[in-house]
C-alpha atoms as a PDB file:
ATOM      1  CA  UNK A   1      11.860  -0.451  -0.088  1.00  0.00           C
ATOM      2  CA  UNK A   2      14.895   1.247  -2.793  1.00  0.00           C
ATOM      3  CA  UNK A   3      12.770   3.231  -5.606  1.00  0.00           C
ATOM      4  CA  UNK A   4      13.096   0.627  -8.643  1.00  0.00           C
ATOM      5  CA  UNK A   5      11.026  -1.552  -5.796  1.00  0.00           C
ATOM      6  CA  UNK A   6       7.692   1.125  -4.756  1.00  0.00           C
ATOM      7  CA  UNK A   7       8.342   1.183  -9.263  1.00  0.00           C
ATOM      8  CA  UNK A   8       7.293  -2.385  -9.454  1.00  0.00           C
ATOM      9  CA  UNK A   9       4.918  -2.750  -6.797  1.00  0.00           C
ATOM     10  CA  UNK A  10       2.689   0.771  -7.940  1.00  0.00           C
ATOM     11  CA  UNK A  11       3.676  -1.168 -11.193  1.00  0.00           C
ATOM     12  CA  UNK A  12       2.360  -4.743 -10.176  1.00  0.00           C
ATOM     13  CA  UNK A  13      -0.787  -2.526  -7.868  1.00  0.00           C
ATOM     14  CA  UNK A  14      -2.155  -0.884 -11.522  1.00  0.00           C
ATOM     15  CA  UNK A  15      -1.207  -5.047 -13.312  1.00  0.00           C
ATOM     16  CA  UNK A  16      -3.098  -6.783 -11.436  1.00  0.00           C
ATOM     17  CA  UNK A  17      -6.008  -4.088 -10.903  1.00  0.00           C
ATOM     18  CA  UNK A  18      -6.332  -3.499 -14.830  1.00  0.00           C
ATOM     19  CA  UNK A  19      -7.227  -7.240 -15.424  1.00  0.00           C
ATOM     20  CA  UNK A  20      -9.412  -7.193 -12.577  1.00  0.00           C
ATOM     21  CA  UNK A  21     -11.249  -4.526 -14.744  1.00  0.00           C
ATOM     22  CA  UNK A  22     -10.882  -5.517 -17.694  1.00  0.00           C
ATOM     23  CA  UNK A  23     -13.256  -8.526 -18.431  1.00  0.00           C
ATOM     24  CA  UNK A  24     -15.932  -6.207 -17.233  1.00  0.00           C
ATOM     25  CA  UNK A  25     -15.211  -3.399 -19.803  1.00  0.00           C
ATOM     26  CA  UNK A  26     -17.817  -3.302 -23.031  1.00  0.00           C
ATOM     27  CA  UNK A  27     -19.574  -6.289 -21.646  1.00  0.00           C
ATOM     28  CA  UNK A  28     -22.982  -6.756 -20.324  1.00  0.00           C
ATOM     29  CA  UNK A  29     -22.202  -6.644 -15.883  1.00  0.00           C
ATOM     30  CA  UNK A  30     -24.596  -5.102 -12.978  1.00  0.00           C
ATOM     31  CA  UNK A  31     -24.651  -1.146 -12.382  1.00  0.00           C
ATOM     32  CA  UNK A  32     -26.108  -0.562  -9.210  1.00  0.00           C
ATOM     33  CA  UNK A  33     -26.446   3.382  -7.862  1.00  0.00           C
ATOM     34  CA  UNK A  34     -25.013   4.582  -5.135  1.00  0.00           C
ATOM     35  CA  UNK A  35     -27.337   8.475  -5.006  1.00  0.00           C
ATOM     36  CA  UNK A  36     -30.018   6.735  -2.849  1.00  0.00           C
ATOM     37  CA  UNK A  37     -32.179   9.296  -5.167  1.00  0.00           C
ATOM     38  CA  UNK A  38     -30.013  11.797  -6.220  1.00  0.00           C
ATOM     39  CA  UNK A  39     -27.867  12.229  -9.141  1.00  0.00           C
ATOM     40  CA  UNK A  40     -27.338   9.024 -10.482  1.00  0.00           C
ATOM     41  CA  UNK A  41     -23.879   7.492  -9.329  1.00  0.00           C
ATOM     42  CA  UNK A  42     -22.322   4.123 -10.616  1.00  0.00           C
ATOM     43  CA  UNK A  43     -20.077   1.880  -9.419  1.00  0.00           C
ATOM     44  CA  UNK A  44     -19.696  -1.911 -10.806  1.00  0.00           C
ATOM     45  CA  UNK A  45     -18.462  -4.810 -10.163  1.00  0.00           C
ATOM     46  CA  UNK A  46     -15.710  -4.187 -11.446  1.00  0.00           C
ATOM     47  CA  UNK A  47     -14.674  -1.050  -9.173  1.00  0.00           C
ATOM     48  CA  UNK A  48     -15.076  -3.701  -6.996  1.00  0.00           C
ATOM     49  CA  UNK A  49     -13.204  -6.534  -8.770  1.00  0.00           C
ATOM     50  CA  UNK A  50      -9.514  -3.892  -9.028  1.00  0.00           C
ATOM     51  CA  UNK A  51     -10.025  -1.972  -4.905  1.00  0.00           C
ATOM     52  CA  UNK A  52     -10.581  -4.946  -4.194  1.00  0.00           C
ATOM     53  CA  UNK A  53      -7.403  -6.886  -5.448  1.00  0.00           C
ATOM     54  CA  UNK A  54      -4.877  -3.322  -4.707  1.00  0.00           C
ATOM     55  CA  UNK A  55      -6.290  -3.565  -1.514  1.00  0.00           C
ATOM     56  CA  UNK A  56      -5.034  -6.854  -0.908  1.00  0.00           C
ATOM     57  CA  UNK A  57      -1.564  -5.792  -2.122  1.00  0.00           C
ATOM     58  CA  UNK A  58      -0.979  -3.298  -0.355  1.00  0.00           C
ATOM     59  CA  UNK A  59      -1.579  -5.104   2.950  1.00  0.00           C
ATOM     60  CA  UNK A  60       1.007  -7.570   2.634  1.00  0.00           C
ATOM     61  CA  UNK A  61       3.302  -5.451   1.190  1.00  0.00           C
ATOM     62  CA  UNK A  62       2.615  -2.415   4.010  1.00  0.00           C
ATOM     63  CA  UNK A  63       0.423  -4.332   6.441  1.00  0.00           C
ATOM     64  CA  UNK A  64       1.332  -1.004   9.034  1.00  0.00           C
ATOM     65  CA  UNK A  65      -0.454   1.117   5.799  1.00  0.00           C
ATOM     66  CA  UNK A  66      -4.146   2.605   5.791  1.00  0.00           C
ATOM     67  CA  UNK A  67      -6.179   3.122   2.959  1.00  0.00           C
ATOM     68  CA  UNK A  68      -8.541   4.672   1.661  1.00  0.00           C
ATOM     69  CA  UNK A  69     -10.433   3.602  -1.272  1.00  0.00           C
ATOM     70  CA  UNK A  70     -13.980   4.672  -2.861  1.00  0.00           C
ATOM     71  CA  UNK A  71     -15.136   1.271  -2.678  1.00  0.00           C
ATOM     72  CA  UNK A  72     -14.809  -0.013   0.393  1.00  0.00           C
ATOM     73  CA  UNK A  73     -14.514   3.181   3.218  1.00  0.00           C
ATOM     74  CA  UNK A  74     -10.976   4.525   5.210  1.00  0.00           C
ATOM     75  CA  UNK A  75      -8.742   1.660   7.583  1.00  0.00           C
ATOM     76  CA  UNK A  76      -6.133   3.219   9.648  1.00  0.00           C
ATOM     77  CA  UNK A  77      -5.175   6.938   7.877  1.00  0.00           C
ATOM     78  CA  UNK A  78      -3.729   7.747  10.145  1.00  0.00           C
ATOM     79  CA  UNK A  79      -0.548   6.562   9.370  1.00  0.00           C
ATOM     80  CA  UNK A  80       2.320   8.140   7.854  1.00  0.00           C
ATOM     81  CA  UNK A  81       1.494   6.395   4.280  1.00  0.00           C
ATOM     82  CA  UNK A  82      -1.959   6.406   3.369  1.00  0.00           C
ATOM     83  CA  UNK A  83      -2.443   4.578  -0.160  1.00  0.00           C
ATOM     84  CA  UNK A  84      -5.876   7.108  -1.840  1.00  0.00           C
ATOM     85  CA  UNK A  85      -7.506   4.972  -4.474  1.00  0.00           C
ATOM     86  CA  UNK A  86     -10.455   5.405  -6.629  1.00  0.00           C
ATOM     87  CA  UNK A  87     -10.662   1.644  -8.570  1.00  0.00           C
ATOM     88  CA  UNK A  88     -12.132   3.092 -12.161  1.00  0.00           C
ATOM     89  CA  UNK A  89     -12.845   7.068 -11.740  1.00  0.00           C
ATOM     90  CA  UNK A  90     -15.034   8.309 -14.813  1.00  0.00           C
ATOM     91  CA  UNK A  91     -17.467   5.074 -13.991  1.00  0.00           C
ATOM     92  CA  UNK A  92     -20.227   6.416 -16.250  1.00  0.00           C
ATOM     93  CA  UNK A  93     -17.521   6.432 -19.555  1.00  0.00           C
ATOM     94  CA  UNK A  94     -16.537   3.463 -17.908  1.00  0.00           C
ATOM     95  CA  UNK A  95     -20.276   2.285 -18.067  1.00  0.00           C
ATOM     96  CA  UNK A  96     -21.047   3.316 -21.577  1.00  0.00           C
ATOM     97  CA  UNK A  97     -17.495   2.070 -23.525  1.00  0.00           C
ATOM     98  CA  UNK A  98     -16.251   5.158 -23.704  1.00  0.00           C
ATOM     99  CA  UNK A  99     -12.326   4.528 -22.726  1.00  0.00           C
ATOM    100  CA  UNK A 100     -11.527   8.107 -20.524  1.00  0.00           C
ATOM    101  CA  UNK A 101     -11.494   6.671 -17.193  1.00  0.00           C
ATOM    102  CA  UNK A 102      -8.730   5.222 -15.272  1.00  0.00           C
ATOM    103  CA  UNK A 103      -7.377   3.512 -11.790  1.00  0.00           C
ATOM    104  CA  UNK A 104      -6.135   6.498  -9.598  1.00  0.00           C
ATOM    105  CA  UNK A 105      -3.733   5.255  -7.475  1.00  0.00           C
ATOM    106  CA  UNK A 106      -1.672   7.893  -4.857  1.00  0.00           C
ATOM    107  CA  UNK A 107       0.027   7.692  -1.612  1.00  0.00           C
ATOM    108  CA  UNK A 108      -0.026  10.752   0.902  1.00  0.00           C
ATOM    109  CA  UNK A 109       2.325  11.262   3.828  1.00  0.00           C
ATOM    110  CA  UNK A 110       1.117  12.467   6.765  1.00  0.00           C
ATOM    111  CA  UNK A 111      -1.433  13.836   4.521  1.00  0.00           C
ATOM    112  CA  UNK A 112       0.374  15.519   1.388  1.00  0.00           C
ATOM    113  CA  UNK A 113       0.005  13.110  -1.562  1.00  0.00           C
ATOM    114  CA  UNK A 114       4.522  11.494  -2.735  1.00  0.00           C
ATOM    115  CA  UNK A 115       3.184  10.088  -5.151  1.00  0.00           C
ATOM    116  CA  UNK A 116       0.264   9.429  -8.188  1.00  0.00           C
ATOM    117  CA  UNK A 117      -0.282   7.172 -10.780  1.00  0.00           C
ATOM    118  CA  UNK A 118      -3.436   7.104 -13.593  1.00  0.00           C
ATOM    119  CA  UNK A 119      -3.231   3.157 -15.914  1.00  0.00           C
ATOM    120  CA  UNK A 120      -5.363   2.491 -18.357  1.00  0.00           C
ATOM    121  CA  UNK A 121      -5.177  -0.805 -19.328  1.00  0.00           C
ATOM    122  CA  UNK A 122      -8.222  -0.477 -22.340  1.00  0.00           C
ATOM    123  CA  UNK A 123      -5.073   1.850 -23.952  1.00  0.00           C
ATOM    124  CA  UNK A 124      -2.229   0.843 -21.805  1.00  0.00           C
ATOM    125  CA  UNK A 125      -1.502   4.063 -20.650  1.00  0.00           C
ATOM    126  CA  UNK A 126       0.465   5.007 -17.279  1.00  0.00           C
ATOM    127  CA  UNK A 127       0.248   8.533 -16.230  1.00  0.00           C
ATOM    128  CA  UNK A 128       2.989   8.643 -13.053  1.00  0.00           C
ATOM    129  CA  UNK A 129       4.435  11.485 -10.340  1.00  0.00           C
ATOM    130  CA  UNK A 130       6.468  12.147  -7.510  1.00  0.00           C
ATOM    131  CA  UNK A 131       5.584  16.034  -7.399  1.00  0.00           C
ATOM    132  CA  UNK A 132       9.081  16.488  -9.056  1.00  0.00           C
ATOM    133  CA  UNK A 133       9.520  14.605 -12.182  1.00  0.00           C
ATOM    134  CA  UNK A 134       5.771  12.662 -14.625  1.00  0.00           C
ATOM    135  CA  UNK A 135       6.635  10.176 -16.440  1.00  0.00           C
ATOM    136  CA  UNK A 136       3.992   8.188 -19.396  1.00  0.00           C
ATOM    137  CA  UNK A 137       4.538   4.467 -20.690  1.00  0.00           C
ATOM    138  CA  UNK A 138       1.929   3.517 -23.150  1.00  0.00           C
ATOM    139  CA  UNK A 139       2.336   3.416 -26.556  1.00  0.00           C
ATOM    140  CA  UNK A 140       5.007   4.855 -28.621  1.00  0.00           C
ATOM    141  CA  UNK A 141       7.286   4.625 -25.872  1.00  0.00           C
ATOM    142  CA  UNK A 142       7.783   6.522 -22.624  1.00  0.00           C
ATOM    143  CA  UNK A 143       8.393  10.234 -22.488  1.00  0.00           C
ATOM    144  CA  UNK A 144       8.274  12.609 -19.485  1.00  0.00           C
ATOM    145  CA  UNK A 145       4.870  14.817 -19.115  1.00  0.00           C
ATOM    146  CA  UNK A 146       5.345  18.278 -19.453  1.00  0.00           C
ATOM    147  CA  UNK A 147       2.698  20.802 -19.150  1.00  0.00           C
ATOM    148  CA  UNK A 148       2.865  23.955 -22.236  1.00  0.00           C
ATOM    149  CA  UNK A 149       3.644  26.889 -20.351  1.00  0.00           C
ATOM    150  CA  UNK A 150       0.227  28.279 -21.605  1.00  0.00           C
ATOM    151  CA  UNK A 151      -0.168  32.171 -19.843  1.00  0.00           C
ATOM    152  CA  UNK A 152      -3.467  33.468 -21.932  1.00  0.00           C
ATOM    153  CA  UNK A 153      -7.219  32.731 -20.896  1.00  0.00           C
ATOM    154  CA  UNK A 154      -8.011  33.343 -24.836  1.00  0.00           C
ATOM    155  CA  UNK A 155      -5.444  30.842 -24.947  1.00  0.00           C
ATOM    156  CA  UNK A 156      -6.272  28.064 -23.452  1.00  0.00           C
ATOM    157  CA  UNK A 157      -8.245  25.467 -23.616  1.00  0.00           C
ATOM    158  CA  UNK A 158     -10.461  23.994 -20.394  1.00  0.00           C
ATOM    159  CA  UNK A 159     -11.861  20.953 -19.720  1.00  0.00           C
ATOM    160  CA  UNK A 160     -14.384  20.094 -16.845  1.00  0.00           C
ATOM    161  CA  UNK A 161     -16.084  16.583 -16.913  1.00  0.00           C
ATOM    162  CA  UNK A 162     -19.364  17.792 -16.735  1.00  0.00           C
ATOM    163  CA  UNK A 163     -21.282  21.669 -16.806  1.00  0.00           C
ATOM    164  CA  UNK A 164     -23.678  20.016 -14.950  1.00  0.00           C
ATOM    165  CA  UNK A 165     -21.724  19.789 -11.781  1.00  0.00           C
ATOM    166  CA  UNK A 166     -22.042  23.990 -11.059  1.00  0.00           C
ATOM    167  CA  UNK A 167     -25.099  24.740  -9.130  1.00  0.00           C
ATOM    168  CA  UNK A 168     -25.016  29.054  -8.672  1.00  0.00           C
ATOM    169  CA  UNK A 169     -22.845  30.517  -7.442  1.00  0.00           C
ATOM    170  CA  UNK A 170     -20.352  27.498  -8.752  1.00  0.00           C
ATOM    171  CA  UNK A 171     -21.449  27.819 -12.275  1.00  0.00           C
ATOM    172  CA  UNK A 172     -21.629  31.778 -12.568  1.00  0.00           C
ATOM    173  CA  UNK A 173     -17.707  31.150 -12.194  1.00  0.00           C
ATOM    174  CA  UNK A 174     -17.063  28.756 -14.328  1.00  0.00           C
ATOM    175  CA  UNK A 175     -18.859  30.703 -16.747  1.00  0.00           C
ATOM    176  CA  UNK A 176     -16.522  33.402 -16.471  1.00  0.00           C
ATOM    177  CA  UNK A 177     -13.662  31.086 -16.467  1.00  0.00           C
ATOM    178  CA  UNK A 178     -15.662  29.351 -19.326  1.00  0.00           C
ATOM    179  CA  UNK A 179     -15.964  32.730 -21.444  1.00  0.00           C
ATOM    180  CA  UNK A 180     -12.332  33.825 -20.678  1.00  0.00           C
ATOM    181  CA  UNK A 181     -10.731  30.897 -22.953  1.00  0.00           C
ATOM    182  CA  UNK A 182      -9.788  28.980 -26.646  1.00  0.00           C
ATOM    183  CA  UNK A 183     -11.788  26.157 -26.023  1.00  0.00           C
ATOM    184  CA  UNK A 184     -13.822  23.966 -23.909  1.00  0.00           C
ATOM    185  CA  UNK A 185     -14.257  20.547 -23.736  1.00  0.00           C
ATOM    186  CA  UNK A 186     -16.822  17.788 -21.290  1.00  0.00           C
ATOM    187  CA  UNK A 187     -15.677  15.070 -20.110  1.00  0.00           C
ATOM    188  CA  UNK A 188     -12.734  12.505 -19.534  1.00  0.00           C
ATOM    189  CA  UNK A 189     -12.458  12.295 -15.852  1.00  0.00           C
ATOM    190  CA  UNK A 190      -9.125  11.605 -14.408  1.00  0.00           C
ATOM    191  CA  UNK A 191      -8.288  11.925 -18.397  1.00  0.00           C
ATOM    192  CA  UNK A 192      -8.769  16.004 -18.565  1.00  0.00           C
ATOM    193  CA  UNK A 193      -5.883  16.160 -15.268  1.00  0.00           C
ATOM    194  CA  UNK A 194      -3.342  13.998 -17.303  1.00  0.00           C
ATOM    195  CA  UNK A 195      -3.721  15.910 -20.027  1.00  0.00           C
ATOM    196  CA  UNK A 196      -3.318  18.584 -18.820  1.00  0.00           C
ATOM    197  CA  UNK A 197      -0.137  17.573 -17.663  1.00  0.00           C
ATOM    198  CA  UNK A 198       1.186  15.724 -21.046  1.00  0.00           C
ATOM    199  CA  UNK A 199      -0.125  19.781 -22.094  1.00  0.00           C
ATOM    200  CA  UNK A 200      -2.547  18.850 -24.502  1.00  0.00           C
ATOM    201  CA  UNK A 201      -4.956  21.456 -21.588  1.00  0.00           C
ATOM    202  CA  UNK A 202      -4.233  24.206 -20.258  1.00  0.00           C
ATOM    203  CA  UNK A 203      -6.631  24.190 -17.361  1.00  0.00           C
ATOM    204  CA  UNK A 204      -9.919  21.551 -15.962  1.00  0.00           C
ATOM    205  CA  UNK A 205     -11.560  23.460 -13.075  1.00  0.00           C
ATOM    206  CA  UNK A 206     -13.998  20.661 -11.452  1.00  0.00           C
ATOM    207  CA  UNK A 207     -16.349  21.086  -8.171  1.00  0.00           C
ATOM    208  CA  UNK A 208     -18.029  17.952  -5.318  1.00  0.00           C
ATOM    209  CA  UNK A 209     -14.707  15.950  -5.280  1.00  0.00           C
ATOM    210  CA  UNK A 210     -13.149  13.400  -3.435  1.00  0.00           C
ATOM    211  CA  UNK A 211      -9.468  13.157  -2.407  1.00  0.00           C
ATOM    212  CA  UNK A 212     -10.212   9.908  -3.987  1.00  0.00           C
ATOM    213  CA  UNK A 213     -10.920  11.223  -7.469  1.00  0.00           C
ATOM    214  CA  UNK A 214      -8.095  13.250  -7.273  1.00  0.00           C
ATOM    215  CA  UNK A 215      -4.274  12.468  -4.817  1.00  0.00           C
ATOM    216  CA  UNK A 216      -3.291  10.368  -7.410  1.00  0.00           C
ATOM    217  CA  UNK A 217      -3.528  13.655 -10.298  1.00  0.00           C
ATOM    218  CA  UNK A 218      -1.379  16.096  -7.825  1.00  0.00           C
ATOM    219  CA  UNK A 219       1.757  14.458  -8.205  1.00  0.00           C
ATOM    220  CA  UNK A 220       1.121  14.017 -11.841  1.00  0.00           C
ATOM    221  CA  UNK A 221       0.102  17.481 -12.271  1.00  0.00           C
ATOM    222  CA  UNK A 222       3.572  19.528 -10.517  1.00  0.00           C
ATOM    223  CA  UNK A 223       6.024  16.818 -11.723  1.00  0.00           C
ATOM    224  CA  UNK A 224       4.637  17.895 -15.162  1.00  0.00           C
ATOM    225  CA  UNK A 225       5.259  21.213 -13.718  1.00  0.00           C
ATOM    226  CA  UNK A 226       1.833  22.543 -13.808  1.00  0.00           C
ATOM    227  CA  UNK A 227      -0.540  23.908 -10.678  1.00  0.00           C
ATOM    228  CA  UNK A 228      -3.415  21.709  -8.570  1.00  0.00           C
ATOM    229  CA  UNK A 229      -5.276  23.154  -6.283  1.00  0.00           C
ATOM    230  CA  UNK A 230      -8.883  24.620  -4.350  1.00  0.00           C
ATOM    231  CA  UNK A 231     -10.496  27.202  -5.170  1.00  0.00           C
ATOM    232  CA  UNK A 232      -9.641  29.300  -2.505  1.00  0.00           C
ATOM    233  CA  UNK A 233      -5.716  28.555  -3.397  1.00  0.00           C
ATOM    234  CA  UNK A 234      -5.497  26.181  -0.994  1.00  0.00           C
ATOM    235  CA  UNK A 235      -5.038  22.404  -0.645  1.00  0.00           C
ATOM    236  CA  UNK A 236      -6.657  19.733  -3.357  1.00  0.00           C
ATOM    237  CA  UNK A 237      -5.987  17.051  -1.513  1.00  0.00           C
ATOM    238  CA  UNK A 238      -9.135  16.565   0.319  1.00  0.00           C
ATOM    239  CA  UNK A 239     -10.957  17.123  -3.032  1.00  0.00           C
ATOM    240  CA  UNK A 240     -14.185  19.746  -2.942  1.00  0.00           C
ATOM    241  CA  UNK A 241     -13.621  22.840  -5.726  1.00  0.00           C
ATOM    242  CA  UNK A 242     -10.366  22.122  -7.290  1.00  0.00           C
ATOM    243  CA  UNK A 243      -8.294  24.307  -9.984  1.00  0.00           C
ATOM    244  CA  UNK A 244      -5.645  22.453 -12.297  1.00  0.00           C
ATOM    245  CA  UNK A 245      -2.855  25.141 -14.653  1.00  0.00           C
ATOM    246  CA  UNK A 246      -0.750  24.153 -16.624  1.00  0.00           C
ATOM    247  CA  UNK A 247       0.825  27.192 -15.339  1.00  0.00           C
ATOM    248  CA  UNK A 248       1.427  29.355 -12.758  1.00  0.00           C
ATOM    249  CA  UNK A 249       0.008  32.886 -14.233  1.00  0.00           C
ATOM    250  CA  UNK A 250      -3.132  30.848 -16.379  1.00  0.00           C
ATOM    251  CA  UNK A 251      -3.800  29.426 -12.603  1.00  0.00           C
ATOM    252  CA  UNK A 252      -3.785  32.977 -11.086  1.00  0.00           C
ATOM    253  CA  UNK A 253      -6.034  34.611 -13.635  1.00  0.00           C
ATOM    254  CA  UNK A 254      -8.426  31.403 -13.331  1.00  0.00           C
ATOM    255  CA  UNK A 255      -8.803  31.631  -9.828  1.00  0.00           C
ATOM    256  CA  UNK A 256      -9.633  35.537 -10.058  1.00  0.00           C
ATOM    257  CA  UNK A 257     -12.457  35.028 -12.403  1.00  0.00           C
ATOM    258  CA  UNK A 258     -13.737  31.870  -9.947  1.00  0.00           C
ATOM    259  CA  UNK A 259     -13.674  34.939  -6.990  1.00  0.00           C
ATOM    260  CA  UNK A 260     -15.206  36.987  -8.878  1.00  0.00           C
END
């Protein structure tokens, strides 16, 4: 396929999944708890509808590709190309009527993230990247995404979805970084990473992520000039403990504090 065809296909994934999801937003719908007695982990009909649409389109267009999705698991994940899908990243925000959730569409080749998109159908925004370049489409028109070159923690804005995701030594490590930054804000899930790529946030630190929470965001952040790894400096593609920064210097400073 040509690059134009690929771009059109991913755009269609975003459009069709958005059409499936939006009727459930700020509407009365059923919410289930996947935690089975643990920390509340909601899933809705919208999650399943959005992922079902994307899987159908992928199977039809790329039958040899694998798929890893939050709602319906994995299939053919030893394929050269694997799509990594999260129909609603930020389901807690979704069920609360807050528009800081998004649909994550990632593609890996031989296990390495090579393309990602975050689509927010309510606001009509799309953030995409291939690791070399990142772009935005939405209100105000299209533009390239660039992180801001903040190197000093004392001038940085830090985000995490919730400080409650950190326990024990992890909470202490996060507190060391939070104590050094200019401003910290909570919430936003995938939106925080996209705001980092857009140059509005400088640092995102989280823990307990799954591959479908982060794979699509890696090429966006890197394409915008940022850095995203695990807390030990390794690949972020497997999820777990993640640190993303707008500059290499800020990333190194955060890693040092996280390590104690």
